[in-house]
Amino acid sequence: MKKEYYQNKARKLKLPNAYTAAITDYMCNAKLSKRITVDNSITYEVSKKDFELKKVEIVIKNIDGVATEVRPVLKDRHNEWTFSISKEELLSEIEVTLTNGANRVTLFDL
């Protein structure tokens, strides 16, 4: 299934083969963008150009750095990964974990 995914990506991106598409996926970083909503909560959007993300999680840690909550982020109907953080949660240490199709894990600290 992964091979077929990368073969399709290679054709679409005009890359020589599935291996090159997989390496490109692995090396390409995801983007985390932030916007403040009307109710003053903060909404983040996670995206990756040309490739899909497999999993996005938010890890909220206490003052000692121990994870108190792990919250999965679900894709919405537009196939986008978005999540909101409350003002109270922003007082905690928050880490966003992204896993791409090549199983590369990327961490963002908010």
N, C-alpha and C. Protein backbone atom coordinates (compact mmCIF):
# COMPACT_ATOMS: atom_id res chain seq x y z
N MET A 1 0.82 -1.19 0.00
CA MET A 1 0.00 0.00 0.00
C MET A 1 0.88 1.27 0.00
N LYS A 2 1.94 1.28 0.81
CA LYS A 2 2.83 2.44 0.81
C LYS A 2 3.51 2.60 -0.55
N LYS A 3 3.91 1.47 -1.12
CA LYS A 3 4.59 1.54 -2.41
C LYS A 3 3.66 2.15 -3.46
N GLU A 4 2.41 1.73 -3.47
CA GLU A 4 1.45 2.28 -4.42
C GLU A 4 1.23 3.78 -4.19
N TYR A 5 1.14 4.18 -2.92
CA TYR A 5 0.99 5.60 -2.59
C TYR A 5 2.16 6.40 -3.15
N TYR A 6 3.38 5.92 -2.92
CA TYR A 6 4.56 6.66 -3.38
C TYR A 6 4.73 6.58 -4.90
N GLN A 7 4.28 5.50 -5.53
CA GLN A 7 4.31 5.44 -6.99
C GLN A 7 3.38 6.50 -7.57
N ASN A 8 2.20 6.64 -6.99
CA ASN A 8 1.25 7.66 -7.45
C ASN A 8 1.80 9.06 -7.22
N LYS A 9 2.42 9.28 -6.07
CA LYS A 9 3.02 10.59 -5.77
C LYS A 9 4.16 10.89 -6.74
N ALA A 10 4.95 9.88 -7.06
CA ALA A 10 6.07 10.08 -7.98
C ALA A 10 5.55 10.52 -9.35
N ARG A 11 4.50 9.87 -9.82
CA ARG A 11 3.91 10.27 -11.12
C ARG A 11 3.37 11.70 -11.06
N LYS A 12 2.63 12.00 -9.99
CA LYS A 12 2.01 13.32 -9.86
C LYS A 12 3.05 14.43 -9.74
N LEU A 13 4.13 14.16 -9.00
CA LEU A 13 5.16 15.18 -8.77
C LEU A 13 6.28 15.12 -9.81
N LYS A 14 6.15 14.21 -10.76
CA LYS A 14 7.14 14.02 -11.83
C LYS A 14 8.52 13.67 -11.26
N LEU A 15 8.51 12.77 -10.30
CA LEU A 15 9.74 12.23 -9.72
C LEU A 15 10.06 10.91 -10.41
N PRO A 16 11.32 10.49 -10.40
CA PRO A 16 11.70 9.29 -11.16
C PRO A 16 11.07 7.98 -10.67
N ASN A 17 10.84 7.86 -9.35
CA ASN A 17 10.32 6.58 -8.85
C ASN A 17 9.74 6.73 -7.45
N ALA A 18 9.14 5.64 -6.95
CA ALA A 18 8.52 5.64 -5.63
C ALA A 18 9.54 5.88 -4.52
N TYR A 19 10.74 5.36 -4.68
CA TYR A 19 11.81 5.54 -3.68
C TYR A 19 12.11 7.03 -3.50
N THR A 20 12.23 7.75 -4.61
CA THR A 20 12.52 9.19 -4.55
C THR A 20 11.35 9.93 -3.89
N ALA A 21 10.13 9.52 -4.18
CA ALA A 21 8.96 10.14 -3.55
C ALA A 21 8.97 9.90 -2.04
N ALA A 22 9.32 8.68 -1.61
CA ALA A 22 9.37 8.37 -0.18
C ALA A 22 10.46 9.20 0.53
N ILE A 23 11.61 9.34 -0.10
CA ILE A 23 12.69 10.15 0.49
C ILE A 23 12.27 11.62 0.54
N THR A 24 11.61 12.09 -0.49
CA THR A 24 11.13 13.47 -0.53
C THR A 24 10.12 13.70 0.60
N ASP A 25 9.22 12.75 0.82
CA ASP A 25 8.25 12.83 1.91
C ASP A 25 8.98 12.89 3.25
N TYR A 26 9.96 12.05 3.42
CA TYR A 26 10.71 11.99 4.68
C TYR A 26 11.44 13.32 4.95
N MET A 27 12.02 13.89 3.91
CA MET A 27 12.85 15.09 4.09
C MET A 27 12.02 16.38 4.17
N CYS A 28 10.84 16.38 3.64
CA CYS A 28 10.00 17.58 3.60
C CYS A 28 9.35 17.82 4.97
N ASN A 29 9.49 19.02 5.50
CA ASN A 29 8.92 19.35 6.80
C ASN A 29 7.47 19.78 6.68
N ALA A 30 6.73 19.50 7.73
CA ALA A 30 5.35 19.96 7.81
C ALA A 30 5.35 21.41 8.29
N LYS A 31 4.23 22.06 8.08
CA LYS A 31 4.08 23.46 8.44
C LYS A 31 2.98 23.59 9.49
N LEU A 32 3.24 24.37 10.52
CA LEU A 32 2.27 24.63 11.57
C LEU A 32 1.96 26.12 11.54
N SER A 33 0.72 26.48 11.24
CA SER A 33 0.36 27.90 11.19
C SER A 33 -0.67 28.19 12.28
N LYS A 34 -0.64 29.41 12.78
CA LYS A 34 -1.45 29.80 13.93
C LYS A 34 -2.34 30.97 13.55
N ARG A 35 -3.57 30.92 14.05
CA ARG A 35 -4.45 32.08 13.89
C ARG A 35 -5.32 32.23 15.14
N ILE A 36 -5.61 33.46 15.49
CA ILE A 36 -6.43 33.75 16.66
C ILE A 36 -7.86 33.93 16.18
N THR A 37 -8.77 33.21 16.83
CA THR A 37 -10.18 33.24 16.40
C THR A 37 -10.93 34.36 17.11
N VAL A 38 -12.19 34.52 16.75
CA VAL A 38 -13.03 35.59 17.30
C VAL A 38 -13.16 35.48 18.82
N ASP A 39 -13.25 34.27 19.35
CA ASP A 39 -13.42 34.10 20.79
C ASP A 39 -12.08 34.07 21.53
N ASN A 40 -11.02 34.53 20.88
CA ASN A 40 -9.66 34.62 21.44
C ASN A 40 -9.01 33.28 21.75
N SER A 41 -9.58 32.19 21.26
CA SER A 41 -8.85 30.93 21.36
C SER A 41 -7.86 30.91 20.19
N ILE A 42 -6.91 30.04 20.25
CA ILE A 42 -5.90 29.97 19.20
C ILE A 42 -6.10 28.68 18.43
N THR A 43 -6.20 28.80 17.13
CA THR A 43 -6.39 27.65 16.26
C THR A 43 -5.13 27.44 15.44
N TYR A 44 -4.70 26.21 15.35
CA TYR A 44 -3.53 25.85 14.57
C TYR A 44 -3.95 24.97 13.41
N GLU A 45 -3.25 25.10 12.31
CA GLU A 45 -3.48 24.24 11.16
C GLU A 45 -2.15 23.58 10.81
N VAL A 46 -2.20 22.29 10.59
CA VAL A 46 -1.00 21.53 10.25
C VAL A 46 -1.15 21.06 8.81
N SER A 47 -0.11 21.26 8.02
CA SER A 47 -0.17 20.82 6.63
C SER A 47 1.22 20.42 6.15
N LYS A 48 1.22 19.69 5.07
CA LYS A 48 2.47 19.27 4.47
C LYS A 48 2.30 19.31 2.96
N LYS A 49 3.11 20.09 2.30
CA LYS A 49 2.97 20.27 0.86
C LYS A 49 3.21 18.95 0.12
N ASP A 50 2.29 18.60 -0.73
CA ASP A 50 2.36 17.46 -1.64
C ASP A 50 2.22 16.09 -0.99
N PHE A 51 2.28 15.99 0.33
CA PHE A 51 2.21 14.69 0.99
C PHE A 51 1.21 14.74 2.14
N GLU A 52 0.75 13.57 2.54
CA GLU A 52 -0.22 13.47 3.62
C GLU A 52 0.48 13.21 4.95
N LEU A 53 -0.16 13.67 6.00
CA LEU A 53 0.28 13.32 7.35
C LEU A 53 -0.53 12.12 7.80
N LYS A 54 0.12 11.22 8.50
CA LYS A 54 -0.56 10.01 8.95
C LYS A 54 -1.24 10.23 10.30
N LYS A 55 -0.59 11.01 11.17
CA LYS A 55 -1.12 11.18 12.52
C LYS A 55 -0.64 12.51 13.09
N VAL A 56 -1.52 13.18 13.84
CA VAL A 56 -1.17 14.41 14.54
C VAL A 56 -1.70 14.27 15.96
N GLU A 57 -0.84 14.54 16.95
CA GLU A 57 -1.25 14.47 18.36
C GLU A 57 -0.76 15.71 19.10
N ILE A 58 -1.52 16.10 20.11
CA ILE A 58 -1.12 17.17 21.00
C ILE A 58 -0.79 16.52 22.34
N VAL A 59 0.37 16.87 22.89
CA VAL A 59 0.76 16.37 24.20
C VAL A 59 0.85 17.57 25.14
N ILE A 60 0.04 17.56 26.20
CA ILE A 60 0.06 18.63 27.18
C ILE A 60 0.79 18.12 28.41
N LYS A 61 1.80 18.89 28.84
CA LYS A 61 2.65 18.47 29.95
C LYS A 61 2.47 19.41 31.15
N ASN A 62 2.67 18.85 32.34
CA ASN A 62 2.60 19.69 33.53
C ASN A 62 3.93 20.41 33.75
N ILE A 63 4.04 21.12 34.84
CA ILE A 63 5.23 21.92 35.12
C ILE A 63 6.50 21.07 35.24
N ASP A 64 6.35 19.79 35.58
CA ASP A 64 7.49 18.88 35.71
C ASP A 64 7.86 18.23 34.37
N GLY A 65 7.12 18.55 33.31
CA GLY A 65 7.40 17.97 32.00
C GLY A 65 6.77 16.61 31.78
N VAL A 66 5.88 16.20 32.68
CA VAL A 66 5.21 14.91 32.56
C VAL A 66 3.92 15.10 31.76
N ALA A 67 3.70 14.22 30.78
CA ALA A 67 2.50 14.32 29.95
C ALA A 67 1.25 14.07 30.79
N THR A 68 0.34 15.02 30.79
CA THR A 68 -0.92 14.86 31.51
C THR A 68 -2.07 14.53 30.58
N GLU A 69 -1.91 14.86 29.30
CA GLU A 69 -2.96 14.56 28.33
C GLU A 69 -2.33 14.39 26.95
N VAL A 70 -2.78 13.36 26.26
CA VAL A 70 -2.40 13.15 24.87
C VAL A 70 -3.71 13.19 24.08
N ARG A 71 -3.81 14.16 23.20
CA ARG A 71 -5.06 14.38 22.47
C ARG A 71 -4.81 14.17 20.97
N PRO A 72 -5.46 13.17 20.37
CA PRO A 72 -5.31 13.01 18.93
C PRO A 72 -6.05 14.12 18.20
N VAL A 73 -5.52 14.52 17.06
CA VAL A 73 -6.16 15.52 16.21
C VAL A 73 -6.74 14.78 15.02
N LEU A 74 -7.99 15.04 14.71
CA LEU A 74 -8.65 14.37 13.59
C LEU A 74 -8.69 15.28 12.38
N LYS A 75 -8.63 14.68 11.21
CA LYS A 75 -8.77 15.44 9.98
C LYS A 75 -10.22 15.87 9.84
N ASP A 76 -10.42 17.08 9.34
CA ASP A 76 -11.79 17.51 9.10
C ASP A 76 -12.24 17.08 7.71
N ARG A 77 -13.42 17.50 7.33
CA ARG A 77 -13.98 17.05 6.05
C ARG A 77 -13.21 17.54 4.84
N HIS A 78 -12.37 18.56 5.02
CA HIS A 78 -11.55 19.06 3.92
C HIS A 78 -10.16 18.43 3.93
N ASN A 79 -10.01 17.37 4.72
CA ASN A 79 -8.74 16.65 4.83
C ASN A 79 -7.62 17.54 5.39
N GLU A 80 -8.02 18.44 6.30
CA GLU A 80 -7.06 19.31 6.97
C GLU A 80 -7.00 18.95 8.45
N TRP A 81 -5.85 19.16 9.03
CA TRP A 81 -5.65 18.90 10.46
C TRP A 81 -5.69 20.24 11.17
N THR A 82 -6.73 20.49 11.95
CA THR A 82 -6.81 21.73 12.71
C THR A 82 -7.17 21.41 14.15
N PHE A 83 -6.66 22.23 15.06
CA PHE A 83 -6.99 22.06 16.47
C PHE A 83 -6.91 23.41 17.16
N SER A 84 -7.62 23.53 18.28
CA SER A 84 -7.63 24.76 19.06
C SER A 84 -7.03 24.52 20.43
N ILE A 85 -6.40 25.55 20.95
CA ILE A 85 -5.81 25.51 22.28
C ILE A 85 -6.44 26.65 23.09
N SER A 86 -6.91 26.34 24.27
CA SER A 86 -7.50 27.38 25.11
C SER A 86 -6.40 28.21 25.77
N LYS A 87 -6.78 29.36 26.29
CA LYS A 87 -5.80 30.22 26.98
C LYS A 87 -5.22 29.51 28.20
N GLU A 88 -6.05 28.74 28.90
CA GLU A 88 -5.58 28.01 30.08
C GLU A 88 -4.54 26.96 29.71
N GLU A 89 -4.78 26.27 28.58
CA GLU A 89 -3.84 25.24 28.14
C GLU A 89 -2.52 25.85 27.71
N LEU A 90 -2.54 27.08 27.24
CA LEU A 90 -1.31 27.73 26.81
C LEU A 90 -0.35 27.97 27.97
N LEU A 91 -0.85 27.90 29.20
CA LEU A 91 0.01 28.05 30.37
C LEU A 91 0.83 26.79 30.61
N SER A 92 0.42 25.69 29.99
CA SER A 92 1.14 24.42 30.10
C SER A 92 2.17 24.31 28.98
N GLU A 93 3.04 23.33 29.09
CA GLU A 93 3.95 23.02 28.00
C GLU A 93 3.19 22.15 27.01
N ILE A 94 3.16 22.56 25.76
CA ILE A 94 2.40 21.84 24.74
C ILE A 94 3.34 21.44 23.61
N GLU A 95 3.20 20.20 23.21
CA GLU A 95 4.03 19.65 22.14
C GLU A 95 3.08 19.07 21.09
N VAL A 96 3.34 19.34 19.83
CA VAL A 96 2.55 18.77 18.73
C VAL A 96 3.43 17.76 18.02
N THR A 97 2.94 16.54 17.90
CA THR A 97 3.68 15.45 17.26
C THR A 97 3.02 15.11 15.94
N LEU A 98 3.80 15.16 14.87
CA LEU A 98 3.30 14.84 13.53
C LEU A 98 4.00 13.60 13.02
N THR A 99 3.27 12.70 12.43
CA THR A 99 3.86 11.52 11.81
C THR A 99 3.46 11.52 10.34
N ASN A 100 4.45 11.46 9.45
CA ASN A 100 4.13 11.46 8.03
C ASN A 100 4.07 10.03 7.51
N GLY A 101 3.81 9.89 6.23
CA GLY A 101 3.68 8.57 5.61
C GLY A 101 4.96 7.74 5.68
N ALA A 102 6.11 8.41 5.76
CA ALA A 102 7.39 7.70 5.85
C ALA A 102 7.76 7.43 7.31
N ASN A 103 6.81 7.61 8.23
CA ASN A 103 6.98 7.39 9.66
C ASN A 103 8.00 8.31 10.31
N ARG A 104 8.26 9.45 9.72
CA ARG A 104 9.13 10.45 10.35
C ARG A 104 8.28 11.24 11.34
N VAL A 105 8.75 11.38 12.54
CA VAL A 105 8.05 12.12 13.58
C VAL A 105 8.68 13.50 13.72
N THR A 106 7.86 14.52 13.69
CA THR A 106 8.30 15.91 13.83
C THR A 106 7.63 16.49 15.05
N LEU A 107 8.39 17.20 15.88
CA LEU A 107 7.83 17.81 17.09
C LEU A 107 7.85 19.33 16.96
N PHE A 108 6.75 19.94 17.40
CA PHE A 108 6.66 21.39 17.52
C PHE A 108 6.33 21.71 18.96
N ASP A 109 7.03 22.63 19.56
CA ASP A 109 6.67 23.13 20.89
C ASP A 109 5.89 24.42 20.71
N LEU A 110 4.74 24.52 21.37
CA LEU A 110 3.95 25.75 21.27
C LEU A 110 4.29 26.67 22.43
